[in-house]
C-alpha atoms as a PDB file:
ATOM      1  CA  MET A   1      84.930 145.496  41.874  1.00  0.00           C
ATOM      2  CA  LYS A   2      87.812 147.699  43.227  1.00  0.00           C
ATOM      3  CA  SER A   3      86.876 149.986  46.228  1.00  0.00           C
ATOM      4  CA  HIS A   4      86.769 153.669  45.152  1.00  0.00           C
ATOM      5  CA  GLN A   5      90.142 155.476  45.391  1.00  0.00           C
ATOM      6  CA  ALA A   6      91.432 159.084  44.782  1.00  0.00           C
ATOM      7  CA  TRP A   7      94.019 158.825  41.696  1.00  0.00           C
ATOM      8  CA  THR A   8      96.129 161.441  40.429  1.00  0.00           C
ATOM      9  CA  GLU A   9      98.921 161.759  37.682  1.00  0.00           C
ATOM     10  CA  ALA A  10     102.458 161.762  38.729  1.00  0.00           C
ATOM     11  CA  VAL A  11     105.707 162.446  37.061  1.00  0.00           C
ATOM     12  CA  ILE A  12     108.831 160.528  37.570  1.00  0.00           C
ATOM     13  CA  GLU A  13     111.395 163.058  38.942  1.00  0.00           C
ATOM     14  CA  SER A  14     114.322 160.800  39.441  1.00  0.00           C
ATOM     15  CA  LEU A  15     115.545 157.226  39.230  1.00  0.00           C
ATOM     16  CA  ARG A  16     118.422 155.645  41.366  1.00  0.00           C
ATOM     17  CA  ASP A  17     119.790 152.133  41.221  1.00  0.00           C
ATOM     18  CA  LEU A  18     120.338 151.135  44.832  1.00  0.00           C
ATOM     19  CA  THR A  19     121.494 147.412  43.869  1.00  0.00           C
ATOM     20  CA  PRO A  20     121.769 145.371  40.778  1.00  0.00           C
ATOM     21  CA  THR A  21     118.253 144.632  40.876  1.00  0.00           C
ATOM     22  CA  VAL A  22     116.604 147.329  43.087  1.00  0.00           C
ATOM     23  CA  ARG A  23     115.782 150.907  41.777  1.00  0.00           C
ATOM     24  CA  GLU A  24     114.385 153.674  43.652  1.00  0.00           C
ATOM     25  CA  ILE A  25     111.832 155.987  41.909  1.00  0.00           C
ATOM     26  CA  CYS A  26     110.883 159.293  43.031  1.00  0.00           C
ATOM     27  CA  LEU A  27     107.454 160.447  41.799  1.00  0.00           C
ATOM     28  CA  ARG A  28     106.056 164.015  41.932  1.00  0.00           C
ATOM     29  CA  PRO A  29     102.265 164.073  41.855  1.00  0.00           C
ATOM     30  CA  ALA A  30     100.165 167.160  40.955  1.00  0.00           C
ATOM     31  CA  GLY A  31      99.376 169.168  44.044  1.00  0.00           C
ATOM     32  CA  ARG A  32     100.567 168.645  47.551  1.00  0.00           C
ATOM     33  CA  VAL A  33     101.374 165.156  48.868  1.00  0.00           C
ATOM     34  CA  PRO A  34      99.515 164.219  52.015  1.00  0.00           C
ATOM     35  CA  GLN A  35     101.464 162.683  54.976  1.00  0.00           C
ATOM     36  CA  HIS A  36     101.731 159.040  55.186  1.00  0.00           C
ATOM     37  CA  ALA A  37     102.416 156.983  58.244  1.00  0.00           C
ATOM     38  CA  PRO A  38     104.997 154.125  58.547  1.00  0.00           C
ATOM     39  CA  GLY A  39     103.894 151.174  56.714  1.00  0.00           C
ATOM     40  CA  SER A  40     101.957 153.222  54.071  1.00  0.00           C
ATOM     41  CA  HIS A  41     102.176 151.951  50.283  1.00  0.00           C
ATOM     42  CA  LEU A  42     101.053 153.521  47.026  1.00  0.00           C
ATOM     43  CA  GLN A  43      99.298 151.694  44.057  1.00  0.00           C
ATOM     44  CA  ILE A  44     100.323 152.498  40.802  1.00  0.00           C
ATOM     45  CA  GLU A  45      98.799 151.832  37.286  1.00  0.00           C
ATOM     46  CA  VAL A  46     101.191 150.857  34.751  1.00  0.00           C
ATOM     47  CA  LEU A  47     101.155 149.356  31.245  1.00  0.00           C
ATOM     48  CA  VAL A  48     102.303 145.742  31.309  1.00  0.00           C
ATOM     49  CA  HIS A  49     102.230 144.370  27.588  1.00  0.00           C
ATOM     50  CA  GLY A  50      99.888 147.008  26.582  1.00  0.00           C
ATOM     51  CA  ARG A  51      97.289 146.264  29.526  1.00  0.00           C
ATOM     52  CA  ALA A  52      96.806 148.693  32.413  1.00  0.00           C
ATOM     53  CA  GLN A  53      97.556 146.812  35.689  1.00  0.00           C
ATOM     54  CA  ILE A  54      97.904 147.940  39.442  1.00  0.00           C
ATOM     55  CA  ARG A  55     100.950 147.449  41.381  1.00  0.00           C
ATOM     56  CA  SER A  56     101.449 148.134  45.048  1.00  0.00           C
ATOM     57  CA  TYR A  57     104.631 149.728  46.319  1.00  0.00           C
ATOM     58  CA  SER A  58     105.681 150.586  49.926  1.00  0.00           C
ATOM     59  CA  LEU A  59     106.582 154.213  50.640  1.00  0.00           C
ATOM     60  CA  VAL A  60     110.132 154.642  51.655  1.00  0.00           C
ATOM     61  CA  GLY A  61     111.206 157.126  54.043  1.00  0.00           C
ATOM     62  CA  GLU A  62     109.869 160.263  55.632  1.00  0.00           C
ATOM     63  CA  PRO A  63     107.254 162.093  53.606  1.00  0.00           C
ATOM     64  CA  ASP A  64     108.299 165.694  52.359  1.00  0.00           C
ATOM     65  CA  GLY A  65     105.135 167.045  51.268  1.00  0.00           C
ATOM     66  CA  GLN A  66     105.895 166.938  47.731  1.00  0.00           C
ATOM     67  CA  THR A  67     107.139 163.543  46.270  1.00  0.00           C
ATOM     68  CA  TYR A  68     106.658 159.910  46.883  1.00  0.00           C
ATOM     69  CA  ARG A  69     109.722 157.495  46.997  1.00  0.00           C
ATOM     70  CA  ILE A  70     109.155 153.653  46.041  1.00  0.00           C
ATOM     71  CA  ALA A  71     111.555 151.008  45.505  1.00  0.00           C
ATOM     72  CA  VAL A  72     111.165 148.116  42.670  1.00  0.00           C
ATOM     73  CA  LYS A  73     112.893 145.086  42.394  1.00  0.00           C
ATOM     74  CA  ARG A  74     113.329 143.848  38.961  1.00  0.00           C
ATOM     75  CA  LEU A  75     111.885 140.314  38.383  1.00  0.00           C
ATOM     76  CA  ASP A  76     112.989 139.077  35.038  1.00  0.00           C
ATOM     77  CA  ASP A  77     110.610 136.049  35.510  1.00  0.00           C
ATOM     78  CA  GLY A  78     107.614 137.720  37.173  1.00  0.00           C
ATOM     79  CA  ARG A  79     104.389 138.873  35.585  1.00  0.00           C
ATOM     80  CA  GLY A  80     105.851 141.838  33.815  1.00  0.00           C
ATOM     81  CA  GLY A  81     104.918 144.422  36.399  1.00  0.00           C
ATOM     82  CA  SER A  82     108.611 145.305  37.638  1.00  0.00           C
ATOM     83  CA  LEU A  83     110.095 145.179  33.994  1.00  0.00           C
ATOM     84  CA  ALA A  84     107.585 147.766  32.935  1.00  0.00           C
ATOM     85  CA  MET A  85     108.451 150.172  36.044  1.00  0.00           C
ATOM     86  CA  TRP A  86     112.169 149.655  35.114  1.00  0.00           C
ATOM     87  CA  GLN A  87     111.563 150.706  31.566  1.00  0.00           C
ATOM     88  CA  LEU A  88     110.210 154.045  32.817  1.00  0.00           C
ATOM     89  CA  ALA A  89     112.110 157.273  32.443  1.00  0.00           C
ATOM     90  CA  VAL A  90     112.535 160.510  34.128  1.00  0.00           C
ATOM     91  CA  GLY A  91     109.574 162.785  32.831  1.00  0.00           C
ATOM     92  CA  ASP A  92     107.451 159.732  32.234  1.00  0.00           C
ATOM     93  CA  SER A  93     103.962 160.038  34.114  1.00  0.00           C
ATOM     94  CA  LEU A  94     101.494 157.300  35.335  1.00  0.00           C
ATOM     95  CA  PRO A  95      98.374 157.479  37.783  1.00  0.00           C
ATOM     96  CA  VAL A  96      99.117 156.975  41.283  1.00  0.00           C
ATOM     97  CA  SER A  97      96.516 156.281  44.185  1.00  0.00           C
ATOM     98  CA  GLN A  98      96.484 158.009  47.713  1.00  0.00           C
ATOM     99  CA  PRO A  99      98.652 156.270  50.154  1.00  0.00           C
ATOM    100  CA  GLN A 100      97.116 153.527  52.000  1.00  0.00           C
ATOM    101  CA  ASN A 101      98.304 151.746  55.255  1.00  0.00           C
ATOM    102  CA  HIS A 102      97.516 147.911  55.630  1.00  0.00           C
ATOM    103  CA  PHE A 103     100.711 147.625  57.848  1.00  0.00           C
ATOM    104  CA  PRO A 104     100.446 150.201  60.356  1.00  0.00           C
ATOM    105  CA  LEU A 105     102.992 150.720  63.341  1.00  0.00           C
ATOM    106  CA  ASP A 106     101.934 150.381  66.843  1.00  0.00           C
ATOM    107  CA  LEU A 107     104.031 152.907  68.817  1.00  0.00           C
ATOM    108  CA  ASN A 108     102.698 151.494  72.356  1.00  0.00           C
ATOM    109  CA  ALA A 109     104.568 148.089  72.563  1.00  0.00           C
ATOM    110  CA  PRO A 110     107.551 147.685  75.035  1.00  0.00           C
ATOM    111  CA  ALA A 111     109.758 146.142  72.298  1.00  0.00           C
ATOM    112  CA  TYR A 112     110.196 145.806  68.673  1.00  0.00           C
ATOM    113  CA  LEU A 113     111.630 143.381  66.087  1.00  0.00           C
ATOM    114  CA  LEU A 114     111.729 144.227  62.680  1.00  0.00           C
ATOM    115  CA  VAL A 115     112.276 141.427  59.866  1.00  0.00           C
ATOM    116  CA  ALA A 116     112.871 142.205  56.455  1.00  0.00           C
ATOM    117  CA  GLY A 117     113.543 139.763  53.454  1.00  0.00           C
ATOM    118  CA  GLY A 118     115.116 141.259  50.391  1.00  0.00           C
ATOM    119  CA  ILE A 119     112.916 144.058  49.027  1.00  0.00           C
ATOM    120  CA  GLY A 120     110.657 143.685  52.064  1.00  0.00           C
ATOM    121  CA  ILE A 121     113.009 146.304  53.592  1.00  0.00           C
ATOM    122  CA  THR A 122     111.023 149.225  51.966  1.00  0.00           C
ATOM    123  CA  PRO A 123     108.178 149.569  54.532  1.00  0.00           C
ATOM    124  CA  PHE A 124     111.082 149.488  57.290  1.00  0.00           C
ATOM    125  CA  VAL A 125     113.065 152.512  56.306  1.00  0.00           C
ATOM    126  CA  LEU A 126     110.494 154.804  57.923  1.00  0.00           C
ATOM    127  CA  MET A 127     109.418 152.309  60.686  1.00  0.00           C
ATOM    128  CA  ALA A 128     113.153 152.322  61.685  1.00  0.00           C
ATOM    129  CA  GLN A 129     113.592 155.943  61.708  1.00  0.00           C
ATOM    130  CA  THR A 130     110.280 156.444  63.740  1.00  0.00           C
ATOM    131  CA  LEU A 131     111.352 153.841  66.126  1.00  0.00           C
ATOM    132  CA  ALA A 132     115.122 154.804  66.545  1.00  0.00           C
ATOM    133  CA  ALA A 133     114.019 158.135  67.515  1.00  0.00           C
ATOM    134  CA  ARG A 134     111.148 157.308  69.961  1.00  0.00           C
ATOM    135  CA  CYS A 135     112.679 154.336  71.705  1.00  0.00           C
ATOM    136  CA  ALA A 136     115.864 156.217  72.146  1.00  0.00           C
ATOM    137  CA  SER A 137     113.878 158.690  74.308  1.00  0.00           C
ATOM    138  CA  ASP A 138     111.473 156.220  76.109  1.00  0.00           C
ATOM    139  CA  GLY A 139     114.022 153.343  76.756  1.00  0.00           C
ATOM    140  CA  LYS A 140     112.141 150.811  74.627  1.00  0.00           C
ATOM    141  CA  SER A 141     114.202 148.405  72.467  1.00  0.00           C
ATOM    142  CA  VAL A 142     114.126 148.018  68.627  1.00  0.00           C
ATOM    143  CA  ARG A 143     116.087 145.359  66.622  1.00  0.00           C
ATOM    144  CA  MET A 144     116.143 144.809  62.842  1.00  0.00           C
ATOM    145  CA  LEU A 145     117.050 141.677  61.219  1.00  0.00           C
ATOM    146  CA  TYR A 146     117.714 142.143  57.263  1.00  0.00           C
ATOM    147  CA  GLY A 147     118.186 139.005  55.119  1.00  0.00           C
ATOM    148  CA  VAL A 148     119.124 138.898  51.528  1.00  0.00           C
ATOM    149  CA  ARG A 149     120.389 136.215  49.150  1.00  0.00           C
ATOM    150  CA  SER A 150     123.654 138.123  48.198  1.00  0.00           C
ATOM    151  CA  ALA A 151     125.569 141.064  49.905  1.00  0.00           C
ATOM    152  CA  ASP A 152     125.037 143.298  47.040  1.00  0.00           C
ATOM    153  CA  GLU A 153     121.315 143.313  47.531  1.00  0.00           C
ATOM    154  CA  LEU A 154     121.333 144.967  50.741  1.00  0.00           C
ATOM    155  CA  ALA A 155     119.425 148.116  49.647  1.00  0.00           C
ATOM    156  CA  PHE A 156     119.315 151.170  51.960  1.00  0.00           C
ATOM    157  CA  LEU A 157     122.034 149.744  54.312  1.00  0.00           C
ATOM    158  CA  PRO A 158     123.858 152.898  54.934  1.00  0.00           C
ATOM    159  CA  GLN A 159     120.788 154.779  55.919  1.00  0.00           C
ATOM    160  CA  LEU A 160     119.687 151.915  58.132  1.00  0.00           C
ATOM    161  CA  GLN A 161     123.039 151.572  59.966  1.00  0.00           C
ATOM    162  CA  ALA A 162     123.020 155.267  60.733  1.00  0.00           C
ATOM    163  CA  GLN A 163     119.504 155.009  62.293  1.00  0.00           C
ATOM    164  CA  LEU A 164     119.924 151.752  64.097  1.00  0.00           C
ATOM    165  CA  GLY A 165     123.611 151.221  64.653  1.00  0.00           C
ATOM    166  CA  ALA A 166     124.348 147.992  66.511  1.00  0.00           C
ATOM    167  CA  CYS A 167     120.555 147.139  66.425  1.00  0.00           C
ATOM    168  CA  LEU A 168     120.600 146.208  62.901  1.00  0.00           C
ATOM    169  CA  GLU A 169     121.928 142.830  61.954  1.00  0.00           C
ATOM    170  CA  THR A 170     122.160 141.456  58.389  1.00  0.00           C
ATOM    171  CA  SER A 171     122.006 138.005  57.083  1.00  0.00           C
ATOM    172  CA  VAL A 172     123.190 137.004  53.842  1.00  0.00           C
ATOM    173  CA  GLY A 173     122.277 133.538  52.382  1.00  0.00           C
ATOM    174  CA  GLN A 174     120.787 132.336  55.700  1.00  0.00           C
ATOM    175  CA  PRO A 175     117.196 131.762  56.903  1.00  0.00           C
ATOM    176  CA  ILE A 176     116.130 133.756  59.904  1.00  0.00           C
ATOM    177  CA  ASP A 177     115.746 131.725  63.018  1.00  0.00           C
ATOM    178  CA  PHE A 178     112.538 132.742  64.005  1.00  0.00           C
ATOM    179  CA  VAL A 179     112.031 130.327  66.958  1.00  0.00           C
ATOM    180  CA  ALA A 180     115.081 131.838  68.679  1.00  0.00           C
ATOM    181  CA  GLU A 181     114.389 135.578  67.913  1.00  0.00           C
ATOM    182  CA  ILE A 182     111.152 135.472  69.196  1.00  0.00           C
ATOM    183  CA  ALA A 183     112.414 133.772  72.259  1.00  0.00           C
ATOM    184  CA  ALA A 184     114.683 136.659  72.839  1.00  0.00           C
ATOM    185  CA  LEU A 185     111.904 139.434  72.367  1.00  0.00           C
ATOM    186  CA  THR A 186     110.695 141.168  75.405  1.00  0.00           C
ATOM    187  CA  LEU A 187     107.408 139.619  76.500  1.00  0.00           C
ATOM    188  CA  GLY A 188     104.502 142.100  74.961  1.00  0.00           C
ATOM    189  CA  GLY A 189     107.024 142.977  72.234  1.00  0.00           C
ATOM    190  CA  GLN A 190     105.775 142.956  68.627  1.00  0.00           C
ATOM    191  CA  LEU A 191     107.290 141.333  65.437  1.00  0.00           C
ATOM    192  CA  TYR A 192     107.010 142.937  62.269  1.00  0.00           C
ATOM    193  CA  VAL A 193     107.846 141.070  59.127  1.00  0.00           C
ATOM    194  CA  CYS A 194     107.891 141.815  55.478  1.00  0.00           C
ATOM    195  CA  GLY A 195     109.276 139.684  52.687  1.00  0.00           C
ATOM    196  CA  PRO A 196     108.545 136.517  50.582  1.00  0.00           C
ATOM    197  CA  ALA A 197     105.873 134.284  51.477  1.00  0.00           C
ATOM    198  CA  PRO A 198     108.042 131.495  52.782  1.00  0.00           C
ATOM    199  CA  MET A 199     109.572 133.841  55.289  1.00  0.00           C
ATOM    200  CA  LEU A 200     106.155 134.902  56.379  1.00  0.00           C
ATOM    201  CA  ASP A 201     104.979 131.251  56.746  1.00  0.00           C
ATOM    202  CA  ALA A 202     108.015 130.521  58.952  1.00  0.00           C
ATOM    203  CA  ALA A 203     107.410 133.540  61.113  1.00  0.00           C
ATOM    204  CA  ARG A 204     103.679 132.774  61.599  1.00  0.00           C
ATOM    205  CA  ARG A 205     104.483 128.981  62.524  1.00  0.00           C
ATOM    206  CA  ALA A 206     107.174 130.232  65.103  1.00  0.00           C
ATOM    207  CA  TRP A 207     105.168 132.834  66.414  1.00  0.00           C
ATOM    208  CA  LEU A 208     101.954 130.619  66.993  1.00  0.00           C
ATOM    209  CA  ALA A 209     104.255 127.796  68.505  1.00  0.00           C
ATOM    210  CA  SER A 210     105.426 130.542  70.973  1.00  0.00           C
ATOM    211  CA  GLY A 211     102.076 131.046  72.349  1.00  0.00           C
ATOM    212  CA  ARG A 212     102.297 134.861  72.136  1.00  0.00           C
ATOM    213  CA  PRO A 213      99.201 136.889  71.205  1.00  0.00           C
ATOM    214  CA  GLU A 214      98.420 136.826  67.518  1.00  0.00           C
ATOM    215  CA  ALA A 215      97.938 140.457  67.317  1.00  0.00           C
ATOM    216  CA  ASP A 216     101.395 141.064  68.207  1.00  0.00           C
ATOM    217  CA  LEU A 217     102.724 139.650  64.885  1.00  0.00           C
ATOM    218  CA  CYS A 218     102.248 142.073  62.179  1.00  0.00           C
ATOM    219  CA  TYR A 219     103.265 141.224  58.401  1.00  0.00           C
ATOM    220  CA  GLU A 220     103.063 142.255  54.719  1.00  0.00           C
ATOM    221  CA  THR A 221     104.220 140.654  51.803  1.00  0.00           C
ATOM    222  CA  PHE A 222     105.248 142.125  48.431  1.00  0.00           C
ATOM    223  CA  GLY A 223     104.107 138.916  46.744  1.00  0.00           C
ATOM    224  CA  SER A 224     105.739 135.706  46.127  1.00  0.00           C
ATOM    225  CA  SER A 225     107.472 134.248  43.206  1.00  0.00           C
ATOM    226  CA  GLY A 226     105.702 130.838  44.162  1.00  0.00           C
ATOM    227  CA  ALA A 227     107.081 127.378  44.346  1.00  0.00           C
ATOM    228  CA  CYS A 228     106.851 126.811  40.467  1.00  0.00           C
ATOM    229  CA  ALA A 229     107.585 128.846  37.408  1.00  0.00           C
ATOM    230  CA  ALA A 230     104.773 130.834  35.983  1.00  0.00           C
ATOM    231  CA  GLN A 231     103.131 129.380  33.219  1.00  0.00           C
ATOM    232  CA  ALA A 232      99.868 129.245  31.406  1.00  0.00           C
ATOM    233  CA  PHE A 233      96.951 127.198  32.889  1.00  0.00           C
ATOM    234  CA  ARG A 234      93.515 126.526  32.048  1.00  0.00           C
ATOM    235  CA  VAL A 235      90.650 127.665  34.256  1.00  0.00           C
ATOM    236  CA  GLN A 236      86.955 126.923  33.870  1.00  0.00           C
ATOM    237  CA  ILE A 237      83.876 128.584  35.634  1.00  0.00           C
ATOM    238  CA  PRO A 238      80.997 126.664  34.732  1.00  0.00           C
ATOM    239  CA  ARG A 239      78.572 129.016  36.332  1.00  0.00           C
ATOM    240  CA  HIS A 240      79.575 131.515  33.846  1.00  0.00           C
ATOM    241  CA  GLY A 241      80.335 129.274  31.085  1.00  0.00           C
ATOM    242  CA  ILE A 242      83.931 130.470  31.205  1.00  0.00           C
ATOM    243  CA  ASP A 243      86.837 128.181  29.671  1.00  0.00           C
ATOM    244  CA  ILE A 244      90.055 130.353  29.149  1.00  0.00           C
ATOM    245  CA  MET A 245      93.843 129.929  29.588  1.00  0.00           C
ATOM    246  CA  VAL A 246      95.687 132.300  31.935  1.00  0.00           C
ATOM    247  CA  PRO A 247      98.809 133.460  30.384  1.00  0.00           C
ATOM    248  CA  ALA A 248     102.040 133.057  32.305  1.00  0.00           C
ATOM    249  CA  ASP A 249     102.166 137.014  32.573  1.00  0.00           C
ATOM    250  CA  CYS A 250      98.746 137.700  33.733  1.00  0.00           C
ATOM    251  CA  SER A 251      97.297 136.809  37.325  1.00  0.00           C
ATOM    252  CA  LEU A 252      94.177 134.666  37.656  1.00  0.00           C
ATOM    253  CA  LEU A 253      92.127 137.702  38.846  1.00  0.00           C
ATOM    254  CA  ASP A 254      93.034 139.848  35.951  1.00  0.00           C
ATOM    255  CA  ALA A 255      92.196 136.797  33.490  1.00  0.00           C
ATOM    256  CA  ILE A 256      88.659 136.163  34.798  1.00  0.00           C
ATOM    257  CA  GLU A 257      87.881 139.928  35.009  1.00  0.00           C
ATOM    258  CA  GLN A 258      88.886 140.228  31.452  1.00  0.00           C
ATOM    259  CA  ALA A 259      86.658 137.202  30.570  1.00  0.00           C
ATOM    260  CA  GLY A 260      83.893 139.251  32.024  1.00  0.00           C
ATOM    261  CA  VAL A 261      83.565 137.886  35.721  1.00  0.00           C
ATOM    262  CA  GLU A 262      83.577 140.504  38.212  1.00  0.00           C
ATOM    263  CA  GLN A 263      85.496 140.043  41.122  1.00  0.00           C
ATOM    264  CA  VAL A 264      85.762 141.705  44.511  1.00  0.00           C
ATOM    265  CA  PHE A 265      89.247 142.474  45.549  1.00  0.00           C
ATOM    266  CA  ASP A 266      91.395 144.719  47.414  1.00  0.00           C
ATOM    267  CA  CYS A 267      95.212 144.349  48.293  1.00  0.00           C
ATOM    268  CA  LYS A 268      96.393 142.318  45.227  1.00  0.00           C
ATOM    269  CA  ARG A 269      98.933 140.804  47.310  1.00  0.00           C
ATOM    270  CA  GLY A 270      97.437 137.671  48.946  1.00  0.00           C
ATOM    271  CA  GLU A 271      96.720 139.207  52.144  1.00  0.00           C
ATOM    272  CA  CYS A 272      93.173 140.399  52.485  1.00  0.00           C
ATOM    273  CA  GLY A 273      91.340 137.450  51.001  1.00  0.00           C
ATOM    274  CA  LEU A 274      88.649 139.205  49.277  1.00  0.00           C
ATOM    275  CA  CYS A 275      89.406 137.659  46.167  1.00  0.00           C
ATOM    276  CA  VAL A 276      89.197 133.984  47.204  1.00  0.00           C
ATOM    277  CA  LEU A 277      87.545 131.543  44.857  1.00  0.00           C
ATOM    278  CA  ASP A 278      86.148 128.220  45.637  1.00  0.00           C
ATOM    279  CA  VAL A 279      87.948 125.252  43.791  1.00  0.00           C
ATOM    280  CA  LEU A 280      85.703 122.645  42.326  1.00  0.00           C
ATOM    281  CA  ALA A 281      87.896 120.404  40.721  1.00  0.00           C
ATOM    282  CA  LEU A 282      91.727 120.489  40.100  1.00  0.00           C
ATOM    283  CA  ASP A 283      93.822 118.624  37.636  1.00  0.00           C
ATOM    284  CA  GLY A 284      97.336 119.529  38.669  1.00  0.00           C
ATOM    285  CA  LYS A 285      98.699 121.681  41.570  1.00  0.00           C
ATOM    286  CA  ILE A 286      97.811 124.912  43.181  1.00  0.00           C
ATOM    287  CA  ASP A 287     100.755 127.032  43.835  1.00  0.00           C
ATOM    288  CA  HIS A 288      99.627 129.068  46.606  1.00  0.00           C
ATOM    289  CA  ARG A 289     101.366 132.402  46.947  1.00  0.00           C
ATOM    290  CA  ASP A 290      99.254 134.045  49.617  1.00  0.00           C
ATOM    291  CA  VAL A 291      99.471 134.578  53.225  1.00  0.00           C
ATOM    292  CA  PHE A 292      95.798 134.682  53.681  1.00  0.00           C
ATOM    293  CA  LEU A 293      94.897 131.042  53.708  1.00  0.00           C
ATOM    294  CA  SER A 294      96.182 128.703  56.522  1.00  0.00           C
ATOM    295  CA  ALA A 295      98.522 125.808  55.608  1.00  0.00           C
ATOM    296  CA  HIS A 296      95.778 123.505  56.312  1.00  0.00           C
ATOM    297  CA  GLU A 297      93.578 125.374  54.031  1.00  0.00           C
ATOM    298  CA  LYS A 298      96.447 125.257  51.336  1.00  0.00           C
ATOM    299  CA  GLN A 299      96.823 121.559  51.659  1.00  0.00           C
ATOM    300  CA  GLU A 300      93.102 120.997  51.180  1.00  0.00           C
ATOM    301  CA  ASN A 301      93.081 122.820  47.931  1.00  0.00           C
ATOM    302  CA  ARG A 302      89.407 123.833  48.260  1.00  0.00           C
ATOM    303  CA  ARG A 303      90.086 127.645  47.898  1.00  0.00           C
ATOM    304  CA  VAL A 304      92.477 129.965  45.981  1.00  0.00           C
ATOM    305  CA  CYS A 305      93.616 133.385  46.285  1.00  0.00           C
ATOM    306  CA  ALA A 306      92.875 134.656  42.704  1.00  0.00           C
ATOM    307  CA  CYS A 307      95.113 137.854  43.043  1.00  0.00           C
ATOM    308  CA  VAL A 308      98.630 135.844  43.398  1.00  0.00           C
ATOM    309  CA  SER A 309      98.173 132.118  43.261  1.00  0.00           C
ATOM    310  CA  ARG A 310      98.623 130.144  40.202  1.00  0.00           C
ATOM    311  CA  VAL A 311      97.991 126.710  38.908  1.00  0.00           C
ATOM    312  CA  VAL A 312      99.972 124.002  37.094  1.00  0.00           C
ATOM    313  CA  GLY A 313      97.519 122.331  35.122  1.00  0.00           C
ATOM    314  CA  SER A 314      94.141 123.232  35.135  1.00  0.00           C
ATOM    315  CA  VAL A 315      91.256 123.959  37.694  1.00  0.00           C
ATOM    316  CA  THR A 316      87.592 124.339  37.956  1.00  0.00           C
ATOM    317  CA  LEU A 317      86.465 127.372  39.891  1.00  0.00           C
ATOM    318  CA  ASP A 318      83.155 128.966  41.286  1.00  0.00           C
ATOM    319  CA  SER A 319      82.466 132.407  41.596  1.00  0.00           C
ATOM    320  CA  ALA A 320      80.150 134.472  43.985  1.00  0.00           C
ATOM    321  CA  TRP A 321      79.410 137.064  41.337  1.00  0.00           C
ATOM    322  CA  ARG A 322      75.949 136.976  39.501  1.00  0.00           C
ATOM    323  CA  PRO A 323      75.361 139.211  36.628  1.00  0.00           C
ATOM    324  CA  ASP A 324      72.342 141.502  36.543  1.00  0.00           C
ATOM    325  CA  PRO A 325      69.295 139.897  35.277  1.00  0.00           C
END
């Protein structure tokens, strides 16, 4: 049960490979494109193995009133969405939503630390541009740390270097030292993080340990590949008489909806928690891929975020949905 959104058809105007695994896609929707603020994202409906599925992508760069720009990282062992996006060609069309923003930029902080991991750089392109101009005029400070596994994956690097100069630092193959970086951040400063779930977990642990206000830590995830390779698993929902196998290329959320169990959801990135289900029994292991549940809740294995998390083995769940009498 997705909240209502306005959708329109958009045509792919251009494609550009930024790195061996990151492709920029320029989309031109019908009519004028609404302005979007830093941190905004777009939802796109794409056919994955013949099924219409929704994926979210951060909007990259300043809005021009005519097109949307996104960047998609190819994940060969993912659920198929990125591979489907990479198969698109110039002239193809697909439905896109209006821009949404669950990662807004507060322009009133005294200092900013932006930390990106891999494809998590996408929302920071416009953030960096906005902050570089504003901070230069009012004396505030902004730094960006950009971590990747290999140097050839530094997408948007020339543009970011031009915007931030020496305030941009890259890290190749090394984890970010969040404890040290947070200690160096001006009091009252804000930390913005976007990247894989383990990076966000490390950032949250360090931030909470620092004693700084939780509201000054802002983060977004593009999803997590998890600790375990995606594989099929069994799901039972006794309340609805459901006993199904979730394929390796399908999310738990999509599988139970296809089985006729309606589910409330929003972000589909493991952030909002609307799709959380109660775990009644577990035979195996839950691969928690969300950033909504706390570390303690993940250890308890009493709840699971259906949109991103998976299971190795089988699980029995309960749903809040009740069919009409």
